[in-house]
């Protein structure tokens, strides 16, 4: 809800919103999202991860820590903005990305 409020206040409307009842993103789907992205911004609480996936090396374990929840599913909210993947919500990170 916080991400939706932030986006609404910034005048940003998502093109696709998937329902929580949809089957979760796991394993291959998550790898596909990462393979198609050149930048990753992820938030887990107050911690953030900012990676240029094409030029920086980050361990799969570090990425998984930010992208996957305790059940092994992709964390919400998740957004694809062109070649940028944004996972999780952090007010400061959203302000940096969306201005």
Protein backbone atom coordinates (compact mmCIF):
# COMPACT_ATOMS: atom_id res chain seq x y z
CA UNK A 1 0.00 0.00 0.00
CA UNK A 2 2.81 2.44 0.74
CA UNK A 3 4.21 1.99 -2.75
CA UNK A 4 0.78 2.55 -4.30
CA UNK A 5 0.31 5.72 -2.24
CA UNK A 6 3.75 7.01 -3.24
CA UNK A 7 3.13 6.36 -6.93
CA UNK A 8 -0.32 7.95 -6.82
CA UNK A 9 1.06 11.06 -5.09
CA UNK A 10 3.81 11.26 -7.72
CA UNK A 11 1.24 10.99 -10.51
CA UNK A 12 2.61 7.66 -11.72
CA UNK A 13 0.16 5.00 -12.85
CA UNK A 14 1.40 1.44 -13.41
CA UNK A 15 0.57 -0.16 -16.76
CA UNK A 16 0.18 -3.65 -15.29
CA UNK A 17 -0.87 -4.55 -11.77
CA UNK A 18 -0.98 -8.22 -10.94
CA UNK A 19 -3.37 -9.56 -8.34
CA UNK A 20 -1.96 -11.19 -5.20
CA UNK A 21 -3.96 -14.33 -6.06
CA UNK A 22 -1.85 -14.85 -9.20
CA UNK A 23 0.72 -17.66 -8.85
CA UNK A 24 3.93 -16.30 -7.29
CA UNK A 25 7.10 -15.49 -9.17
CA UNK A 26 9.77 -18.03 -8.35
CA UNK A 27 13.05 -19.40 -9.69
CA UNK A 28 12.90 -19.21 -13.50
CA UNK A 29 10.58 -16.19 -13.62
CA UNK A 30 12.85 -14.28 -11.23
CA UNK A 31 15.92 -15.22 -13.29
CA UNK A 32 14.11 -14.00 -16.43
CA UNK A 33 13.37 -10.65 -14.78
CA UNK A 34 17.02 -10.27 -13.78
CA UNK A 35 18.28 -11.36 -17.21
CA UNK A 36 16.21 -8.68 -18.93
CA UNK A 37 17.29 -5.93 -16.50
CA UNK A 38 20.41 -3.80 -16.64
CA UNK A 39 19.82 -2.05 -13.30
CA UNK A 40 18.43 -3.35 -10.02
CA UNK A 41 17.08 -1.25 -7.18
CA UNK A 42 15.89 -3.31 -4.22
CA UNK A 43 14.74 -2.46 -0.73
CA UNK A 44 14.26 -4.57 2.35
CA UNK A 45 13.25 -2.41 5.25
CA UNK A 46 15.76 0.42 5.53
CA UNK A 47 18.46 -1.46 3.61
CA UNK A 48 18.80 -0.90 -0.12
CA UNK A 49 20.69 -2.50 -2.97
CA UNK A 50 21.56 -0.53 -6.12
CA UNK A 51 23.34 -2.50 -8.82
CA UNK A 52 24.25 -1.98 -12.45
CA UNK A 53 23.82 -5.63 -13.44
CA UNK A 54 25.84 -5.21 -16.64
CA UNK A 55 29.01 -3.85 -15.01
CA UNK A 56 28.94 -4.73 -11.29
CA UNK A 57 29.39 -8.10 -9.69
CA UNK A 58 27.05 -9.02 -6.85
CA UNK A 59 26.60 -12.52 -5.50
CA UNK A 60 23.39 -14.42 -6.20
CA UNK A 61 23.05 -14.80 -2.43
CA UNK A 62 23.11 -11.01 -1.89
CA UNK A 63 20.56 -10.44 -4.66
CA UNK A 64 18.30 -13.22 -3.34
CA UNK A 65 18.40 -11.67 0.14
CA UNK A 66 16.74 -8.53 -1.28
CA UNK A 67 14.48 -10.09 -3.93
CA UNK A 68 13.01 -13.13 -2.22
CA UNK A 69 10.75 -13.31 0.79
CA UNK A 70 10.84 -16.03 3.47
CA UNK A 71 8.75 -18.37 1.30
CA UNK A 72 11.14 -18.03 -1.64
CA UNK A 73 8.72 -15.92 -3.68
CA UNK A 74 9.59 -12.60 -5.31
CA UNK A 75 8.93 -9.77 -2.88
CA UNK A 76 6.31 -7.12 -3.54
CA UNK A 77 6.00 -4.58 -4.87
CA UNK A 78 8.01 -5.37 -7.98
CA UNK A 79 8.18 -3.02 -10.97
CA UNK A 80 9.86 -3.22 -14.33
CA UNK A 81 10.70 0.20 -15.75
CA UNK A 82 12.27 -0.40 -19.14
CA UNK A 83 15.53 -2.19 -18.25
CA UNK A 84 15.31 -1.29 -14.56
CA UNK A 85 13.96 -3.73 -11.96
CA UNK A 86 12.64 -2.25 -8.71
CA UNK A 87 11.79 -4.63 -5.85
CA UNK A 88 10.46 -3.75 -2.41
CA UNK A 89 9.52 -0.38 -0.99
CA UNK A 90 11.70 2.23 0.68
CA UNK A 91 10.56 5.87 0.70
CA UNK A 92 14.07 7.28 0.12
CA UNK A 93 14.80 4.86 -2.70
CA UNK A 94 11.49 5.66 -4.44
CA UNK A 95 12.23 9.38 -4.16
CA UNK A 96 15.64 8.75 -5.75
CA UNK A 97 14.15 6.71 -8.62
CA UNK A 98 10.92 8.63 -9.25
CA UNK A 99 11.94 12.08 -8.05
